[in-house]
Amino acid sequence: MKTGLQTIAAWMLTVATLGAQAAPPGTPPAGDPVKGREDFATYKCAWCHGTEGQGGLATVGPRIALVPRGLESFIAYVRKPSARMSAYSEASVSDAALKDIYAYLRAQAPAKAARDIPLLEQLRKPKG
């Protein structure tokens, strides 16, 4: 399992490798993923979306890590969500904090397929 710093290093390598493909055109430079992790906890995002943005219960916050949404779109959604999420004004969460949270979410490792998780694979196989 990767540590947070290994995940960030892998993300930075991916960004360097992909170049302009890593972010939509017109997206400002990435924020600070380490600060974003702190902000994600401070603003209680993990309560609904899980500690790494992996998603909570089916009826609560969806997966938001690695969702292909640009920074501007992310900030706009946090300010005026279209689903059950509460809106957060700039007075409650600054654009700078959202930029860092966005960088943290984009730094997460991709989710493993269920077949690649031993416990889930054991549960899937019939006992015989």
N, C-alpha and C. Protein backbone atom coordinates (compact mmCIF):
# COMPACT_ATOMS: atom_id res chain seq x y z
N MET A 1 0.85 -1.18 0.00
CA MET A 1 0.00 0.00 0.00
C MET A 1 0.89 1.24 0.00
N LYS A 2 0.55 2.20 -0.83
CA LYS A 2 1.34 3.40 -0.94
C LYS A 2 1.08 4.34 0.23
N THR A 3 2.13 5.05 0.64
CA THR A 3 1.95 6.10 1.63
C THR A 3 1.49 7.34 0.90
N GLY A 4 1.08 8.34 1.66
CA GLY A 4 0.62 9.58 1.05
C GLY A 4 1.69 10.23 0.18
N LEU A 5 2.95 10.22 0.65
CA LEU A 5 4.02 10.82 -0.13
C LEU A 5 4.28 10.03 -1.40
N GLN A 6 4.19 8.69 -1.33
CA GLN A 6 4.38 7.88 -2.53
C GLN A 6 3.27 8.17 -3.54
N THR A 7 2.06 8.33 -3.05
CA THR A 7 0.93 8.64 -3.92
C THR A 7 1.15 9.98 -4.60
N ILE A 8 1.59 10.98 -3.84
CA ILE A 8 1.84 12.30 -4.40
C ILE A 8 2.97 12.23 -5.42
N ALA A 9 4.03 11.48 -5.11
CA ALA A 9 5.14 11.34 -6.05
C ALA A 9 4.67 10.66 -7.34
N ALA A 10 3.85 9.63 -7.22
CA ALA A 10 3.32 8.94 -8.40
C ALA A 10 2.46 9.89 -9.23
N TRP A 11 1.66 10.70 -8.54
CA TRP A 11 0.81 11.67 -9.23
C TRP A 11 1.65 12.69 -9.98
N MET A 12 2.71 13.19 -9.33
CA MET A 12 3.56 14.18 -9.96
C MET A 12 4.26 13.59 -11.18
N LEU A 13 4.68 12.33 -11.10
CA LEU A 13 5.30 11.67 -12.23
C LEU A 13 4.29 11.52 -13.37
N THR A 14 3.07 11.17 -13.04
CA THR A 14 2.02 11.05 -14.07
C THR A 14 1.78 12.38 -14.74
N VAL A 15 1.69 13.45 -13.96
CA VAL A 15 1.47 14.78 -14.51
C VAL A 15 2.63 15.17 -15.43
N ALA A 16 3.85 14.89 -14.99
CA ALA A 16 5.02 15.23 -15.81
C ALA A 16 5.04 14.41 -17.10
N THR A 17 4.61 13.17 -17.02
CA THR A 17 4.60 12.29 -18.19
C THR A 17 3.51 12.69 -19.17
N LEU A 18 2.33 13.00 -18.67
CA LEU A 18 1.21 13.32 -19.54
C LEU A 18 1.23 14.75 -20.05
N GLY A 19 1.94 15.62 -19.37
CA GLY A 19 2.02 17.01 -19.80
C GLY A 19 0.65 17.67 -19.82
N ALA A 20 0.31 18.27 -20.93
CA ALA A 20 -0.94 19.02 -21.04
C ALA A 20 -2.18 18.15 -20.94
N GLN A 21 -2.06 16.85 -21.14
CA GLN A 21 -3.22 15.96 -21.06
C GLN A 21 -3.72 15.79 -19.63
N ALA A 22 -2.91 16.10 -18.65
CA ALA A 22 -3.27 15.86 -17.26
C ALA A 22 -4.36 16.79 -16.75
N ALA A 23 -4.49 17.95 -17.33
CA ALA A 23 -5.50 18.91 -16.87
C ALA A 23 -6.18 19.53 -18.08
N PRO A 24 -7.45 19.87 -17.92
CA PRO A 24 -8.15 20.51 -19.03
C PRO A 24 -7.51 21.84 -19.38
N PRO A 25 -7.60 22.28 -20.64
CA PRO A 25 -7.03 23.57 -21.02
C PRO A 25 -7.60 24.70 -20.18
N GLY A 26 -6.77 25.65 -19.83
CA GLY A 26 -7.21 26.80 -19.06
C GLY A 26 -7.25 26.56 -17.56
N THR A 27 -6.89 25.37 -17.11
CA THR A 27 -6.89 25.07 -15.69
C THR A 27 -5.66 25.70 -15.04
N PRO A 28 -5.84 26.44 -13.95
CA PRO A 28 -4.69 27.02 -13.26
C PRO A 28 -3.76 25.93 -12.75
N PRO A 29 -2.52 26.29 -12.45
CA PRO A 29 -1.59 25.29 -11.91
C PRO A 29 -2.19 24.60 -10.68
N ALA A 30 -1.81 23.34 -10.50
CA ALA A 30 -2.35 22.56 -9.38
C ALA A 30 -1.99 23.21 -8.05
N GLY A 31 -2.86 22.99 -7.07
CA GLY A 31 -2.60 23.47 -5.71
C GLY A 31 -1.65 22.53 -5.00
N ASP A 32 -1.63 22.60 -3.70
CA ASP A 32 -0.74 21.80 -2.86
C ASP A 32 -1.51 20.59 -2.33
N PRO A 33 -1.22 19.37 -2.81
CA PRO A 33 -1.97 18.20 -2.36
C PRO A 33 -1.79 17.88 -0.87
N VAL A 34 -0.64 18.23 -0.31
CA VAL A 34 -0.43 17.97 1.12
C VAL A 34 -1.33 18.89 1.95
N LYS A 35 -1.37 20.17 1.58
CA LYS A 35 -2.27 21.12 2.25
C LYS A 35 -3.72 20.73 1.97
N GLY A 36 -3.99 20.25 0.75
CA GLY A 36 -5.34 19.82 0.40
C GLY A 36 -5.83 18.68 1.26
N ARG A 37 -4.94 17.78 1.62
CA ARG A 37 -5.32 16.66 2.51
C ARG A 37 -5.76 17.21 3.87
N GLU A 38 -5.01 18.18 4.37
CA GLU A 38 -5.37 18.81 5.65
C GLU A 38 -6.72 19.52 5.54
N ASP A 39 -6.90 20.27 4.45
CA ASP A 39 -8.16 21.00 4.24
C ASP A 39 -9.33 20.05 4.07
N PHE A 40 -9.11 18.94 3.39
CA PHE A 40 -10.16 17.94 3.18
C PHE A 40 -10.69 17.45 4.53
N ALA A 41 -9.77 17.27 5.49
CA ALA A 41 -10.16 16.86 6.84
C ALA A 41 -10.78 18.03 7.61
N THR A 42 -10.16 19.21 7.53
CA THR A 42 -10.64 20.38 8.26
C THR A 42 -12.07 20.74 7.90
N TYR A 43 -12.40 20.70 6.61
CA TYR A 43 -13.74 21.08 6.15
C TYR A 43 -14.71 19.91 6.15
N LYS A 44 -14.30 18.80 6.74
CA LYS A 44 -15.17 17.62 6.94
C LYS A 44 -15.66 16.97 5.64
N CYS A 45 -14.91 17.14 4.55
CA CYS A 45 -15.29 16.52 3.26
C CYS A 45 -15.34 15.00 3.40
N ALA A 46 -14.44 14.46 4.23
CA ALA A 46 -14.34 13.00 4.39
C ALA A 46 -15.58 12.40 5.04
N TRP A 47 -16.34 13.20 5.76
CA TRP A 47 -17.55 12.65 6.40
C TRP A 47 -18.48 12.02 5.38
N CYS A 48 -18.57 12.61 4.21
CA CYS A 48 -19.46 12.07 3.18
C CYS A 48 -18.70 11.35 2.06
N HIS A 49 -17.51 11.86 1.72
CA HIS A 49 -16.80 11.36 0.54
C HIS A 49 -15.68 10.38 0.85
N GLY A 50 -15.47 10.00 2.12
CA GLY A 50 -14.38 9.09 2.47
C GLY A 50 -13.08 9.85 2.61
N THR A 51 -12.13 9.27 3.33
CA THR A 51 -10.89 9.96 3.67
C THR A 51 -10.03 10.32 2.47
N GLU A 52 -10.19 9.61 1.37
CA GLU A 52 -9.41 9.91 0.17
C GLU A 52 -10.31 10.23 -1.02
N GLY A 53 -11.54 10.62 -0.73
CA GLY A 53 -12.47 10.95 -1.80
C GLY A 53 -12.98 9.73 -2.54
N GLN A 54 -12.83 8.55 -1.92
CA GLN A 54 -13.22 7.29 -2.57
C GLN A 54 -14.72 7.06 -2.59
N GLY A 55 -15.45 7.89 -1.89
CA GLY A 55 -16.91 7.74 -1.83
C GLY A 55 -17.32 7.12 -0.51
N GLY A 56 -18.51 7.51 -0.06
CA GLY A 56 -19.04 6.98 1.18
C GLY A 56 -20.11 5.95 0.88
N LEU A 57 -21.03 5.83 1.76
CA LEU A 57 -22.15 4.92 1.55
C LEU A 57 -22.91 5.33 0.29
N ALA A 58 -23.60 4.40 -0.29
CA ALA A 58 -24.30 4.65 -1.56
C ALA A 58 -25.24 5.85 -1.49
N THR A 59 -25.80 6.10 -0.33
CA THR A 59 -26.77 7.20 -0.21
C THR A 59 -26.13 8.50 0.25
N VAL A 60 -24.82 8.51 0.45
CA VAL A 60 -24.15 9.72 0.93
C VAL A 60 -23.27 10.26 -0.20
N GLY A 61 -22.05 10.67 0.10
CA GLY A 61 -21.19 11.31 -0.88
C GLY A 61 -20.58 10.35 -1.88
N PRO A 62 -20.63 10.70 -3.16
CA PRO A 62 -20.04 9.85 -4.20
C PRO A 62 -18.52 9.96 -4.23
N ARG A 63 -17.90 9.11 -5.01
CA ARG A 63 -16.45 9.17 -5.24
C ARG A 63 -16.15 10.50 -5.94
N ILE A 64 -15.19 11.24 -5.41
CA ILE A 64 -14.79 12.50 -6.04
C ILE A 64 -13.31 12.52 -6.39
N ALA A 65 -12.55 11.52 -5.93
CA ALA A 65 -11.14 11.43 -6.30
C ALA A 65 -11.04 11.03 -7.77
N LEU A 66 -10.17 11.70 -8.48
CA LEU A 66 -9.88 11.39 -9.88
C LEU A 66 -11.06 11.56 -10.84
N VAL A 67 -12.12 12.20 -10.40
CA VAL A 67 -13.23 12.46 -11.30
C VAL A 67 -12.75 13.47 -12.34
N PRO A 68 -13.01 13.20 -13.63
CA PRO A 68 -12.48 14.09 -14.67
C PRO A 68 -13.24 15.41 -14.76
N ARG A 69 -12.99 16.27 -13.82
CA ARG A 69 -13.64 17.59 -13.75
C ARG A 69 -12.51 18.60 -13.59
N GLY A 70 -12.55 19.68 -14.33
CA GLY A 70 -11.54 20.72 -14.20
C GLY A 70 -11.69 21.49 -12.90
N LEU A 71 -10.66 22.23 -12.55
CA LEU A 71 -10.67 22.99 -11.30
C LEU A 71 -11.82 23.98 -11.24
N GLU A 72 -12.04 24.74 -12.31
CA GLU A 72 -13.12 25.72 -12.31
C GLU A 72 -14.48 25.05 -12.09
N SER A 73 -14.68 23.91 -12.74
CA SER A 73 -15.93 23.17 -12.60
C SER A 73 -16.07 22.63 -11.18
N PHE A 74 -14.98 22.17 -10.59
CA PHE A 74 -14.98 21.67 -9.21
C PHE A 74 -15.41 22.77 -8.25
N ILE A 75 -14.78 23.93 -8.38
CA ILE A 75 -15.10 25.05 -7.49
C ILE A 75 -16.55 25.49 -7.69
N ALA A 76 -16.97 25.58 -8.94
CA ALA A 76 -18.36 25.98 -9.22
C ALA A 76 -19.35 25.00 -8.59
N TYR A 77 -19.04 23.70 -8.64
CA TYR A 77 -19.94 22.71 -8.08
C TYR A 77 -20.00 22.83 -6.55
N VAL A 78 -18.86 23.05 -5.92
CA VAL A 78 -18.85 23.20 -4.46
C VAL A 78 -19.66 24.44 -4.06
N ARG A 79 -19.59 25.49 -4.86
CA ARG A 79 -20.34 26.71 -4.57
C ARG A 79 -21.85 26.55 -4.82
N LYS A 80 -22.22 25.82 -5.87
CA LYS A 80 -23.64 25.62 -6.23
C LYS A 80 -23.85 24.18 -6.68
N PRO A 81 -23.90 23.24 -5.72
CA PRO A 81 -24.07 21.84 -6.10
C PRO A 81 -25.48 21.57 -6.64
N SER A 82 -25.57 20.58 -7.52
CA SER A 82 -26.86 20.24 -8.09
C SER A 82 -27.50 19.04 -7.40
N ALA A 83 -26.79 18.44 -6.48
CA ALA A 83 -27.32 17.27 -5.78
C ALA A 83 -27.56 17.62 -4.31
N ARG A 84 -27.49 16.63 -3.46
CA ARG A 84 -27.82 16.80 -2.04
C ARG A 84 -26.74 17.53 -1.24
N MET A 85 -25.58 17.76 -1.81
CA MET A 85 -24.49 18.40 -1.09
C MET A 85 -24.86 19.84 -0.74
N SER A 86 -24.44 20.28 0.44
CA SER A 86 -24.64 21.67 0.84
C SER A 86 -23.70 22.57 0.05
N ALA A 87 -24.12 23.78 -0.21
CA ALA A 87 -23.27 24.76 -0.90
C ALA A 87 -22.29 25.37 0.09
N TYR A 88 -21.08 25.66 -0.39
CA TYR A 88 -20.05 26.28 0.44
C TYR A 88 -19.62 27.58 -0.21
N SER A 89 -19.89 28.70 0.47
CA SER A 89 -19.51 30.01 -0.07
C SER A 89 -18.01 30.22 0.09
N GLU A 90 -17.50 31.25 -0.58
CA GLU A 90 -16.08 31.55 -0.45
C GLU A 90 -15.74 32.00 0.97
N ALA A 91 -16.72 32.52 1.68
CA ALA A 91 -16.50 32.91 3.08
C ALA A 91 -16.27 31.68 3.97
N SER A 92 -16.86 30.54 3.60
CA SER A 92 -16.67 29.34 4.43
C SER A 92 -15.50 28.48 3.96
N VAL A 93 -15.23 28.42 2.65
CA VAL A 93 -14.08 27.69 2.11
C VAL A 93 -13.52 28.53 0.97
N SER A 94 -12.29 28.97 1.11
CA SER A 94 -11.69 29.84 0.10
C SER A 94 -11.40 29.09 -1.20
N ASP A 95 -11.27 29.84 -2.27
CA ASP A 95 -10.87 29.24 -3.55
C ASP A 95 -9.49 28.60 -3.43
N ALA A 96 -8.60 29.21 -2.64
CA ALA A 96 -7.26 28.65 -2.46
C ALA A 96 -7.34 27.28 -1.77
N ALA A 97 -8.20 27.15 -0.76
CA ALA A 97 -8.36 25.85 -0.09
C ALA A 97 -8.96 24.83 -1.05
N LEU A 98 -9.93 25.25 -1.86
CA LEU A 98 -10.53 24.33 -2.84
C LEU A 98 -9.51 23.91 -3.88
N LYS A 99 -8.62 24.79 -4.27
CA LYS A 99 -7.56 24.46 -5.22
C LYS A 99 -6.66 23.38 -4.63
N ASP A 100 -6.33 23.51 -3.35
CA ASP A 100 -5.50 22.50 -2.68
C ASP A 100 -6.26 21.18 -2.53
N ILE A 101 -7.53 21.24 -2.18
CA ILE A 101 -8.35 20.02 -2.06
C ILE A 101 -8.43 19.33 -3.41
N TYR A 102 -8.62 20.11 -4.47
CA TYR A 102 -8.66 19.55 -5.82
C TYR A 102 -7.35 18.83 -6.14
N ALA A 103 -6.22 19.45 -5.80
CA ALA A 103 -4.92 18.83 -6.05
C ALA A 103 -4.79 17.52 -5.26
N TYR A 104 -5.28 17.51 -4.02
CA TYR A 104 -5.26 16.29 -3.21
C TYR A 104 -6.09 15.18 -3.86
N LEU A 105 -7.28 15.52 -4.30
CA LEU A 105 -8.15 14.53 -4.92
C LEU A 105 -7.57 14.00 -6.22
N ARG A 106 -6.91 14.86 -6.99
CA ARG A 106 -6.30 14.44 -8.25
C ARG A 106 -5.02 13.62 -8.01
N ALA A 107 -4.48 13.66 -6.79
CA ALA A 107 -3.25 12.93 -6.47
C ALA A 107 -3.51 11.49 -6.01
N GLN A 108 -4.76 11.12 -5.86
CA GLN A 108 -5.07 9.78 -5.36
C GLN A 108 -4.75 8.71 -6.39
N ALA A 109 -4.39 7.55 -5.89
CA ALA A 109 -4.14 6.40 -6.77
C ALA A 109 -5.48 5.90 -7.30
N PRO A 110 -5.49 5.37 -8.52
CA PRO A 110 -6.74 4.81 -9.05
C PRO A 110 -7.23 3.66 -8.18
N ALA A 111 -8.53 3.50 -8.11
CA ALA A 111 -9.11 2.41 -7.32
C ALA A 111 -8.77 1.07 -7.97
N LYS A 112 -8.53 0.07 -7.14
CA LYS A 112 -8.27 -1.27 -7.65
C LYS A 112 -9.58 -1.92 -8.09
N ALA A 113 -9.47 -2.79 -9.05
CA ALA A 113 -10.63 -3.59 -9.45
C ALA A 113 -10.92 -4.58 -8.33
N ALA A 114 -12.18 -4.94 -8.13
CA ALA A 114 -12.56 -5.87 -7.07
C ALA A 114 -11.78 -7.18 -7.16
N ARG A 115 -11.51 -7.64 -8.38
CA ARG A 115 -10.78 -8.91 -8.55
C ARG A 115 -9.34 -8.81 -8.06
N ASP A 116 -8.82 -7.59 -7.90
CA ASP A 116 -7.45 -7.39 -7.45
C ASP A 116 -7.35 -7.18 -5.94
N ILE A 117 -8.48 -7.29 -5.24
CA ILE A 117 -8.50 -7.17 -3.78
C ILE A 117 -8.78 -8.57 -3.23
N PRO A 118 -7.77 -9.19 -2.59
CA PRO A 118 -7.90 -10.58 -2.17
C PRO A 118 -9.15 -10.90 -1.36
N LEU A 119 -9.50 -10.08 -0.39
CA LEU A 119 -10.67 -10.36 0.43
C LEU A 119 -11.95 -10.36 -0.41
N LEU A 120 -12.08 -9.40 -1.30
CA LEU A 120 -13.27 -9.37 -2.16
C LEU A 120 -13.30 -10.56 -3.11
N GLU A 121 -12.15 -10.95 -3.60
CA GLU A 121 -12.08 -12.11 -4.49
C GLU A 121 -12.47 -13.39 -3.74
N GLN A 122 -12.05 -13.49 -2.47
CA GLN A 122 -12.44 -14.66 -1.65
C GLN A 122 -13.95 -14.69 -1.45
N LEU A 123 -14.54 -13.56 -1.22
CA LEU A 123 -15.98 -13.50 -0.99
C LEU A 123 -16.77 -13.82 -2.26
N ARG A 124 -16.18 -13.50 -3.40
CA ARG A 124 -16.85 -13.72 -4.67
C ARG A 124 -16.86 -15.19 -5.07
N LYS A 125 -15.82 -15.91 -4.70
CA LYS A 125 -15.71 -17.32 -5.09
C LYS A 125 -16.63 -18.18 -4.23
N PRO A 126 -17.36 -19.08 -4.86
CA PRO A 126 -18.24 -19.98 -4.08
C PRO A 126 -17.41 -20.96 -3.27
N LYS A 127 -17.87 -21.23 -2.07
CA LYS A 127 -17.18 -22.20 -1.21
C LYS A 127 -17.64 -23.59 -1.60
N GLY A 128 -16.71 -24.46 -1.76
CA GLY A 128 -17.16 -25.76 -2.23
C GLY A 128 -16.47 -26.85 -1.61
